[in-house]
Amino acid sequence: MAQALGFPQYVVIDGGHSAGRRLRDYAFFDDAADPRSALLIECGQHWEDAAHEVAKQSILRWLRHFEMADPRLLDAHLARASVPPQKLIEVTTTVTIASDRFAFTLPVHALQTIARAGTVYAIDGSSEIRTPHDDCILIMPTRRPKRGETAVRLGRYIA
């Protein structure tokens, strides 16, 4: 669905979320043989200036795709700037915090790429947490580590 919309720029593909099921993980939305689909769009951190624009452009493209709005309305509000090509990211690992002493050892940010496999990027208690593969992408690293919650999801570009 995200590819049909051509937006947003980054599309994260996973087989579920360790923090709990999302709406798109239920019933017919999770059935590859069923034509119905759902799309979860992360618009960014709530305080980021760009978050509201990602939400707006996503909704407008959804309405256009399903022919659910007057084309004149869409033309008036869709961004005129060209949209960067989409990048597909497959989630390879979810890192769950095991102790009360978790900390990133590098400055981290969403969609950061760490070039080398085996790079230590966090410590959890006395355990070093390392990248499992080259060109490892950090997906939504937490700002407030808490035992039992997701520290970060890791992925790689597939397209």
N, C-alpha and C. Protein backbone atom coordinates (compact mmCIF):
# COMPACT_ATOMS: atom_id res chain seq x y z
N MET A 1 0.82 -1.19 0.00
CA MET A 1 0.00 0.00 0.00
C MET A 1 0.87 1.26 0.00
N ALA A 2 1.93 1.25 0.82
CA ALA A 2 2.81 2.42 0.86
C ALA A 2 3.44 2.68 -0.51
N GLN A 3 3.78 1.61 -1.22
CA GLN A 3 4.35 1.78 -2.55
C GLN A 3 3.31 2.33 -3.52
N ALA A 4 2.07 1.92 -3.38
CA ALA A 4 1.01 2.44 -4.25
C ALA A 4 0.81 3.93 -4.00
N LEU A 5 0.96 4.36 -2.76
CA LEU A 5 0.82 5.79 -2.44
C LEU A 5 2.06 6.57 -2.87
N GLY A 6 3.20 5.89 -2.90
CA GLY A 6 4.45 6.57 -3.23
C GLY A 6 4.95 7.44 -2.10
N PHE A 7 4.48 7.17 -0.90
CA PHE A 7 4.77 8.02 0.25
C PHE A 7 4.49 7.23 1.50
N PRO A 8 5.20 7.39 2.55
CA PRO A 8 6.34 8.26 2.79
C PRO A 8 7.62 7.71 2.18
N GLN A 9 8.70 8.45 2.40
CA GLN A 9 9.97 8.07 1.77
C GLN A 9 10.50 6.74 2.31
N TYR A 10 10.38 6.51 3.62
CA TYR A 10 10.89 5.29 4.22
C TYR A 10 9.74 4.37 4.56
N VAL A 11 9.84 3.11 4.11
CA VAL A 11 8.81 2.11 4.36
C VAL A 11 9.47 0.98 5.16
N VAL A 12 8.97 0.77 6.37
CA VAL A 12 9.51 -0.27 7.26
C VAL A 12 8.63 -1.50 7.14
N ILE A 13 9.26 -2.62 6.83
CA ILE A 13 8.54 -3.88 6.63
C ILE A 13 8.94 -4.83 7.75
N ASP A 14 7.95 -5.32 8.48
CA ASP A 14 8.24 -6.25 9.56
C ASP A 14 7.16 -7.30 9.66
N GLY A 15 7.43 -8.31 10.46
CA GLY A 15 6.48 -9.40 10.63
C GLY A 15 5.73 -9.31 11.94
N GLY A 16 5.61 -8.12 12.48
CA GLY A 16 4.95 -7.94 13.76
C GLY A 16 5.81 -7.11 14.68
N HIS A 17 5.27 -6.80 15.82
CA HIS A 17 5.96 -5.90 16.74
C HIS A 17 5.97 -6.53 18.12
N SER A 18 7.14 -6.63 18.72
CA SER A 18 7.26 -7.29 20.02
C SER A 18 6.54 -6.54 21.13
N ALA A 19 6.24 -5.26 20.91
CA ALA A 19 5.55 -4.48 21.94
C ALA A 19 4.04 -4.68 21.88
N GLY A 20 3.58 -5.52 20.98
CA GLY A 20 2.14 -5.79 20.89
C GLY A 20 1.65 -5.66 19.46
N ARG A 21 0.51 -6.27 19.21
CA ARG A 21 -0.05 -6.25 17.86
C ARG A 21 -0.63 -4.88 17.55
N ARG A 22 -0.51 -4.50 16.29
CA ARG A 22 -1.09 -3.27 15.79
C ARG A 22 -2.33 -3.63 15.00
N LEU A 23 -3.17 -2.68 14.69
CA LEU A 23 -4.40 -2.94 13.94
C LEU A 23 -4.10 -3.71 12.65
N ARG A 24 -3.04 -3.34 11.97
CA ARG A 24 -2.72 -4.00 10.70
C ARG A 24 -2.28 -5.44 10.87
N ASP A 25 -2.05 -5.89 12.12
CA ASP A 25 -1.63 -7.26 12.39
C ASP A 25 -2.80 -8.20 12.63
N TYR A 26 -4.03 -7.71 12.57
CA TYR A 26 -5.20 -8.51 12.88
C TYR A 26 -5.96 -8.95 11.63
N ALA A 27 -6.64 -10.07 11.77
CA ALA A 27 -7.65 -10.58 10.82
C ALA A 27 -7.19 -10.49 9.38
N PHE A 28 -8.07 -9.98 8.54
CA PHE A 28 -7.81 -9.97 7.10
C PHE A 28 -6.67 -9.04 6.71
N PHE A 29 -6.31 -8.06 7.54
CA PHE A 29 -5.18 -7.19 7.20
C PHE A 29 -3.87 -7.96 7.16
N ASP A 30 -3.81 -9.05 7.90
CA ASP A 30 -2.57 -9.84 8.00
C ASP A 30 -2.59 -11.07 7.09
N ASP A 31 -3.57 -11.14 6.21
CA ASP A 31 -3.73 -12.28 5.32
C ASP A 31 -3.30 -11.86 3.91
N ALA A 32 -2.18 -12.41 3.46
CA ALA A 32 -1.64 -12.03 2.14
C ALA A 32 -2.60 -12.36 1.00
N ALA A 33 -3.50 -13.31 1.20
CA ALA A 33 -4.46 -13.70 0.16
C ALA A 33 -5.68 -12.77 0.12
N ASP A 34 -5.84 -11.93 1.12
CA ASP A 34 -7.00 -11.05 1.18
C ASP A 34 -6.64 -9.69 0.57
N PRO A 35 -7.49 -9.14 -0.29
CA PRO A 35 -7.16 -7.87 -0.95
C PRO A 35 -7.23 -6.65 -0.02
N ARG A 36 -7.87 -6.79 1.13
CA ARG A 36 -7.95 -5.66 2.06
C ARG A 36 -6.58 -5.44 2.70
N SER A 37 -6.28 -4.21 2.98
CA SER A 37 -4.97 -3.91 3.57
C SER A 37 -5.07 -2.75 4.54
N ALA A 38 -4.04 -2.61 5.32
CA ALA A 38 -3.92 -1.50 6.26
C ALA A 38 -2.49 -0.99 6.18
N LEU A 39 -2.33 0.24 6.58
CA LEU A 39 -1.03 0.88 6.52
C LEU A 39 -0.84 1.71 7.78
N LEU A 40 0.25 1.49 8.48
CA LEU A 40 0.60 2.30 9.64
C LEU A 40 1.66 3.28 9.19
N ILE A 41 1.38 4.56 9.32
CA ILE A 41 2.33 5.58 8.90
C ILE A 41 2.86 6.30 10.12
N GLU A 42 4.17 6.16 10.34
CA GLU A 42 4.83 6.91 11.40
C GLU A 42 5.23 8.25 10.80
N CYS A 43 4.70 9.30 11.36
CA CYS A 43 4.91 10.63 10.79
C CYS A 43 6.12 11.35 11.35
N GLY A 44 6.74 10.77 12.35
CA GLY A 44 7.89 11.39 12.98
C GLY A 44 7.58 11.68 14.43
N GLN A 45 8.55 12.24 15.11
CA GLN A 45 8.34 12.61 16.51
C GLN A 45 7.32 13.74 16.58
N HIS A 46 6.48 13.70 17.59
CA HIS A 46 5.37 14.65 17.68
C HIS A 46 5.83 16.11 17.68
N TRP A 47 6.99 16.37 18.20
CA TRP A 47 7.47 17.74 18.31
C TRP A 47 8.20 18.22 17.04
N GLU A 48 8.44 17.34 16.09
CA GLU A 48 9.13 17.73 14.87
C GLU A 48 8.21 18.52 13.96
N ASP A 49 8.73 19.59 13.39
CA ASP A 49 7.94 20.43 12.49
C ASP A 49 7.38 19.66 11.31
N ALA A 50 8.14 18.69 10.81
CA ALA A 50 7.73 17.96 9.61
C ALA A 50 6.62 16.94 9.86
N ALA A 51 6.38 16.56 11.11
CA ALA A 51 5.43 15.48 11.41
C ALA A 51 4.04 15.76 10.87
N HIS A 52 3.54 16.96 11.07
CA HIS A 52 2.18 17.26 10.60
C HIS A 52 2.09 17.24 9.08
N GLU A 53 3.16 17.62 8.41
CA GLU A 53 3.14 17.62 6.94
C GLU A 53 3.18 16.19 6.41
N VAL A 54 3.93 15.30 7.04
CA VAL A 54 3.94 13.89 6.64
C VAL A 54 2.54 13.31 6.80
N ALA A 55 1.89 13.62 7.91
CA ALA A 55 0.52 13.12 8.15
C ALA A 55 -0.43 13.65 7.07
N LYS A 56 -0.37 14.92 6.81
CA LYS A 56 -1.26 15.54 5.83
C LYS A 56 -1.04 14.96 4.43
N GLN A 57 0.20 14.87 4.01
CA GLN A 57 0.49 14.36 2.67
C GLN A 57 0.11 12.88 2.54
N SER A 58 0.29 12.12 3.60
CA SER A 58 -0.09 10.71 3.59
C SER A 58 -1.60 10.56 3.41
N ILE A 59 -2.36 11.33 4.16
CA ILE A 59 -3.82 11.26 4.07
C ILE A 59 -4.29 11.68 2.68
N LEU A 60 -3.73 12.76 2.16
CA LEU A 60 -4.14 13.23 0.83
C LEU A 60 -3.83 12.18 -0.24
N ARG A 61 -2.68 11.54 -0.15
CA ARG A 61 -2.33 10.50 -1.12
C ARG A 61 -3.23 9.26 -0.97
N TRP A 62 -3.61 8.94 0.26
CA TRP A 62 -4.55 7.83 0.52
C TRP A 62 -5.89 8.16 -0.15
N LEU A 63 -6.39 9.35 0.06
CA LEU A 63 -7.67 9.76 -0.54
C LEU A 63 -7.60 9.73 -2.07
N ARG A 64 -6.48 10.19 -2.61
CA ARG A 64 -6.31 10.17 -4.07
C ARG A 64 -6.28 8.74 -4.59
N HIS A 65 -5.53 7.87 -3.92
CA HIS A 65 -5.41 6.48 -4.36
C HIS A 65 -6.76 5.78 -4.43
N PHE A 66 -7.60 6.03 -3.46
CA PHE A 66 -8.91 5.38 -3.41
C PHE A 66 -10.03 6.23 -4.02
N GLU A 67 -9.64 7.31 -4.68
CA GLU A 67 -10.59 8.21 -5.37
C GLU A 67 -11.73 8.61 -4.43
N MET A 68 -11.34 9.06 -3.24
CA MET A 68 -12.31 9.41 -2.21
C MET A 68 -12.41 10.91 -1.95
N ALA A 69 -11.78 11.72 -2.80
CA ALA A 69 -11.85 13.17 -2.62
C ALA A 69 -11.85 13.84 -3.98
N ASP A 70 -12.40 15.01 -4.01
CA ASP A 70 -12.44 15.81 -5.24
C ASP A 70 -11.00 16.09 -5.69
N PRO A 71 -10.67 15.79 -6.93
CA PRO A 71 -9.30 16.04 -7.42
C PRO A 71 -8.87 17.49 -7.27
N ARG A 72 -9.79 18.43 -7.36
CA ARG A 72 -9.42 19.85 -7.19
C ARG A 72 -8.95 20.12 -5.77
N LEU A 73 -9.61 19.50 -4.80
CA LEU A 73 -9.19 19.65 -3.41
C LEU A 73 -7.78 19.07 -3.22
N LEU A 74 -7.56 17.89 -3.79
CA LEU A 74 -6.25 17.25 -3.67
C LEU A 74 -5.17 18.08 -4.34
N ASP A 75 -5.45 18.57 -5.54
CA ASP A 75 -4.47 19.39 -6.26
C ASP A 75 -4.11 20.65 -5.47
N ALA A 76 -5.08 21.18 -4.76
CA ALA A 76 -4.83 22.40 -3.99
C ALA A 76 -3.96 22.16 -2.76
N HIS A 77 -3.94 20.92 -2.26
CA HIS A 77 -3.24 20.67 -1.00
C HIS A 77 -2.07 19.69 -1.07
N LEU A 78 -1.96 18.92 -2.15
CA LEU A 78 -0.81 18.03 -2.28
C LEU A 78 0.45 18.84 -2.52
N ALA A 79 1.54 18.43 -1.92
CA ALA A 79 2.82 19.12 -2.11
C ALA A 79 3.20 19.10 -3.58
N ARG A 80 3.71 20.20 -4.04
CA ARG A 80 4.11 20.29 -5.45
C ARG A 80 5.55 19.83 -5.66
N ALA A 81 6.33 19.86 -4.61
CA ALA A 81 7.73 19.43 -4.72
C ALA A 81 7.78 17.94 -5.03
N SER A 82 8.80 17.53 -5.76
CA SER A 82 8.92 16.11 -6.08
C SER A 82 9.22 15.32 -4.80
N VAL A 83 8.66 14.15 -4.74
CA VAL A 83 8.83 13.27 -3.58
C VAL A 83 10.06 12.40 -3.83
N PRO A 84 10.97 12.30 -2.84
CA PRO A 84 12.14 11.43 -3.03
C PRO A 84 11.71 9.98 -3.24
N PRO A 85 12.50 9.20 -3.95
CA PRO A 85 12.15 7.79 -4.14
C PRO A 85 12.04 7.08 -2.79
N GLN A 86 11.14 6.13 -2.71
CA GLN A 86 10.96 5.38 -1.48
C GLN A 86 12.14 4.45 -1.24
N LYS A 87 12.41 4.21 0.05
CA LYS A 87 13.44 3.26 0.46
C LYS A 87 12.74 2.25 1.36
N LEU A 88 12.86 0.98 1.00
CA LEU A 88 12.24 -0.09 1.77
C LEU A 88 13.25 -0.64 2.77
N ILE A 89 12.81 -0.74 4.04
CA ILE A 89 13.66 -1.25 5.10
C ILE A 89 13.00 -2.48 5.70
N GLU A 90 13.72 -3.60 5.69
CA GLU A 90 13.22 -4.81 6.31
C GLU A 90 13.79 -4.90 7.73
N VAL A 91 12.90 -5.08 8.71
CA VAL A 91 13.35 -5.24 10.09
C VAL A 91 13.98 -6.63 10.23
N THR A 92 15.19 -6.65 10.78
CA THR A 92 15.91 -7.91 10.96
C THR A 92 15.98 -8.34 12.42
N THR A 93 15.93 -7.38 13.34
CA THR A 93 16.11 -7.66 14.76
C THR A 93 15.35 -6.63 15.59
N THR A 94 14.79 -7.08 16.70
CA THR A 94 14.23 -6.17 17.69
C THR A 94 15.03 -6.35 18.96
N VAL A 95 15.52 -5.25 19.50
CA VAL A 95 16.32 -5.29 20.72
C VAL A 95 15.43 -4.89 21.89
N THR A 96 15.22 -5.83 22.81
CA THR A 96 14.41 -5.59 24.00
C THR A 96 15.34 -5.36 25.18
N ILE A 97 15.07 -4.35 25.96
CA ILE A 97 15.92 -3.98 27.09
C ILE A 97 15.76 -5.01 28.21
N ALA A 98 16.89 -5.55 28.66
CA ALA A 98 16.88 -6.63 29.65
C ALA A 98 17.21 -6.16 31.07
N SER A 99 17.78 -4.97 31.22
CA SER A 99 18.19 -4.53 32.55
C SER A 99 17.79 -3.07 32.78
N ASP A 100 18.04 -2.61 33.99
CA ASP A 100 17.79 -1.19 34.30
C ASP A 100 18.99 -0.33 33.95
N ARG A 101 20.00 -0.95 33.38
CA ARG A 101 21.23 -0.22 33.04
C ARG A 101 21.50 -0.29 31.54
N PHE A 102 20.51 0.09 30.74
CA PHE A 102 20.67 0.12 29.28
C PHE A 102 21.08 1.54 28.89
N ALA A 103 22.03 1.64 27.96
CA ALA A 103 22.42 2.95 27.43
C ALA A 103 23.04 2.77 26.04
N PHE A 104 22.75 3.69 25.17
CA PHE A 104 23.43 3.71 23.88
C PHE A 104 24.84 4.24 24.10
N THR A 105 25.81 3.67 23.41
CA THR A 105 27.20 4.09 23.55
C THR A 105 27.61 5.08 22.46
N LEU A 106 26.73 5.30 21.52
CA LEU A 106 26.95 6.28 20.44
C LEU A 106 25.77 7.24 20.44
N PRO A 107 25.95 8.43 19.92
CA PRO A 107 24.77 9.26 19.69
C PRO A 107 23.93 8.56 18.61
N VAL A 108 22.66 8.35 18.86
CA VAL A 108 21.82 7.63 17.90
C VAL A 108 20.62 8.47 17.50
N HIS A 109 20.12 8.20 16.31
CA HIS A 109 18.91 8.86 15.83
C HIS A 109 18.19 7.92 14.86
N ALA A 110 16.94 8.21 14.64
CA ALA A 110 16.13 7.37 13.75
C ALA A 110 16.72 7.33 12.35
N LEU A 111 16.73 6.15 11.78
CA LEU A 111 17.20 5.85 10.43
C LEU A 111 18.69 6.06 10.25
N GLN A 112 19.41 6.10 11.35
CA GLN A 112 20.87 6.15 11.29
C GLN A 112 21.38 4.81 10.78
N THR A 113 22.41 4.83 9.96
CA THR A 113 23.02 3.61 9.45
C THR A 113 24.39 3.43 10.09
N ILE A 114 24.62 2.26 10.65
CA ILE A 114 25.94 1.90 11.19
C ILE A 114 26.56 0.94 10.19
N ALA A 115 27.70 1.32 9.65
CA ALA A 115 28.29 0.64 8.50
C ALA A 115 28.76 -0.79 8.75
N ARG A 116 29.37 -1.06 9.90
CA ARG A 116 30.04 -2.35 10.09
C ARG A 116 29.30 -3.27 11.06
N ALA A 117 29.15 -4.52 10.66
CA ALA A 117 28.62 -5.54 11.56
C ALA A 117 29.54 -5.67 12.76
N GLY A 118 28.97 -5.93 13.92
CA GLY A 118 29.76 -6.11 15.13
C GLY A 118 30.08 -4.83 15.87
N THR A 119 29.60 -3.69 15.38
CA THR A 119 29.83 -2.42 16.06
C THR A 119 29.01 -2.36 17.35
N VAL A 120 29.65 -2.06 18.45
CA VAL A 120 28.94 -1.88 19.72
C VAL A 120 28.24 -0.53 19.67
N TYR A 121 26.93 -0.55 19.86
CA TYR A 121 26.18 0.70 19.86
C TYR A 121 25.39 0.91 21.15
N ALA A 122 25.38 -0.12 22.03
CA ALA A 122 24.68 0.00 23.31
C ALA A 122 25.26 -0.99 24.31
N ILE A 123 24.99 -0.72 25.58
CA ILE A 123 25.32 -1.62 26.68
C ILE A 123 24.02 -1.87 27.44
N ASP A 124 23.76 -3.14 27.76
CA ASP A 124 22.58 -3.49 28.55
C ASP A 124 23.09 -4.27 29.76
N GLY A 125 23.17 -3.59 30.91
CA GLY A 125 23.82 -4.20 32.07
C GLY A 125 25.28 -4.37 31.76
N SER A 126 25.76 -5.61 31.76
CA SER A 126 27.17 -5.88 31.43
C SER A 126 27.33 -6.41 30.01
N SER A 127 26.25 -6.46 29.24
CA SER A 127 26.30 -7.02 27.87
C SER A 127 26.45 -5.93 26.83
N GLU A 128 27.38 -6.16 25.91
CA GLU A 128 27.52 -5.26 24.76
C GLU A 128 26.48 -5.64 23.71
N ILE A 129 25.84 -4.65 23.14
CA ILE A 129 24.87 -4.87 22.07
C ILE A 129 25.53 -4.43 20.77
N ARG A 130 25.59 -5.34 19.80
CA ARG A 130 26.32 -5.09 18.55
C ARG A 130 25.40 -5.17 17.34
N THR A 131 25.79 -4.49 16.30
CA THR A 131 25.04 -4.57 15.05
C THR A 131 25.19 -5.97 14.47
N PRO A 132 24.10 -6.58 13.99
CA PRO A 132 24.16 -7.95 13.48
C PRO A 132 24.64 -8.05 12.03
N HIS A 133 24.64 -6.94 11.31
CA HIS A 133 25.04 -6.98 9.90
C HIS A 133 25.55 -5.62 9.47
N ASP A 134 26.26 -5.60 8.34
CA ASP A 134 26.72 -4.34 7.78
C ASP A 134 25.53 -3.47 7.39
N ASP A 135 25.76 -2.16 7.34
CA ASP A 135 24.74 -1.19 6.94
C ASP A 135 23.44 -1.38 7.72
N CYS A 136 23.60 -1.45 9.02
CA CYS A 136 22.49 -1.70 9.94
C CYS A 136 21.77 -0.37 10.24
N ILE A 137 20.47 -0.35 10.02
CA ILE A 137 19.67 0.85 10.20
C ILE A 137 18.98 0.80 11.56
N LEU A 138 19.09 1.87 12.32
CA LEU A 138 18.42 1.99 13.61
C LEU A 138 17.02 2.58 13.37
N ILE A 139 16.01 1.84 13.77
CA ILE A 139 14.63 2.28 13.56
C ILE A 139 14.05 2.67 14.92
N MET A 140 13.77 3.92 15.09
CA MET A 140 13.15 4.49 16.28
C MET A 140 13.83 4.09 17.58
N PRO A 141 15.12 4.45 17.76
CA PRO A 141 15.77 4.15 19.04
C PRO A 141 15.06 4.92 20.17
N THR A 142 14.89 4.26 21.30
CA THR A 142 14.17 4.90 22.41
C THR A 142 14.98 6.04 23.02
N ARG A 143 14.28 7.00 23.55
CA ARG A 143 14.92 8.09 24.27
C ARG A 143 14.84 7.85 25.78
N ARG A 144 13.94 6.97 26.18
CA ARG A 144 13.73 6.68 27.61
C ARG A 144 13.75 5.16 27.83
N PRO A 145 14.96 4.60 27.94
CA PRO A 145 15.06 3.15 28.10
C PRO A 145 14.34 2.65 29.36
N LYS A 146 13.61 1.55 29.19
CA LYS A 146 12.90 0.93 30.31
C LYS A 146 12.93 -0.57 30.11
N ARG A 147 13.30 -1.30 31.16
CA ARG A 147 13.40 -2.76 31.08
C ARG A 147 12.11 -3.35 30.52
N GLY A 148 12.29 -4.30 29.59
CA GLY A 148 11.16 -5.00 28.98
C GLY A 148 10.59 -4.32 27.74
N GLU A 149 11.00 -3.10 27.48
CA GLU A 149 10.51 -2.39 26.30
C GLU A 149 11.53 -2.45 25.17
N THR A 150 11.09 -2.08 23.98
CA THR A 150 11.96 -2.09 22.81
C THR A 150 12.95 -0.94 22.88
N ALA A 151 14.23 -1.25 22.77
CA ALA A 151 15.28 -0.23 22.73
C ALA A 151 15.37 0.35 21.32
N VAL A 152 15.33 -0.55 20.34
CA VAL A 152 15.47 -0.16 18.94
C VAL A 152 15.13 -1.37 18.09
N ARG A 153 14.64 -1.12 16.91
CA ARG A 153 14.53 -2.19 15.91
C ARG A 153 15.64 -1.93 14.90
N LEU A 154 16.20 -3.01 14.38
CA LEU A 154 17.30 -2.91 13.42
C LEU A 154 16.83 -3.43 12.08
N GLY A 155 17.37 -2.86 11.01
CA GLY A 155 16.95 -3.30 9.69
C GLY A 155 18.01 -3.08 8.65
N ARG A 156 17.61 -3.41 7.41
CA ARG A 156 18.50 -3.18 6.26
C ARG A 156 17.65 -2.77 5.07
N TYR A 157 18.25 -1.97 4.20
CA TYR A 157 17.55 -1.55 2.98
C TYR A 157 17.40 -2.74 2.06
N ILE A 158 16.22 -2.89 1.47
CA ILE A 158 16.01 -3.98 0.51
C ILE A 158 15.71 -3.44 -0.88
N ALA A 159 15.49 -2.15 -0.97
CA ALA A 159 15.27 -1.54 -2.29
C ALA A 159 15.58 -0.07 -2.22
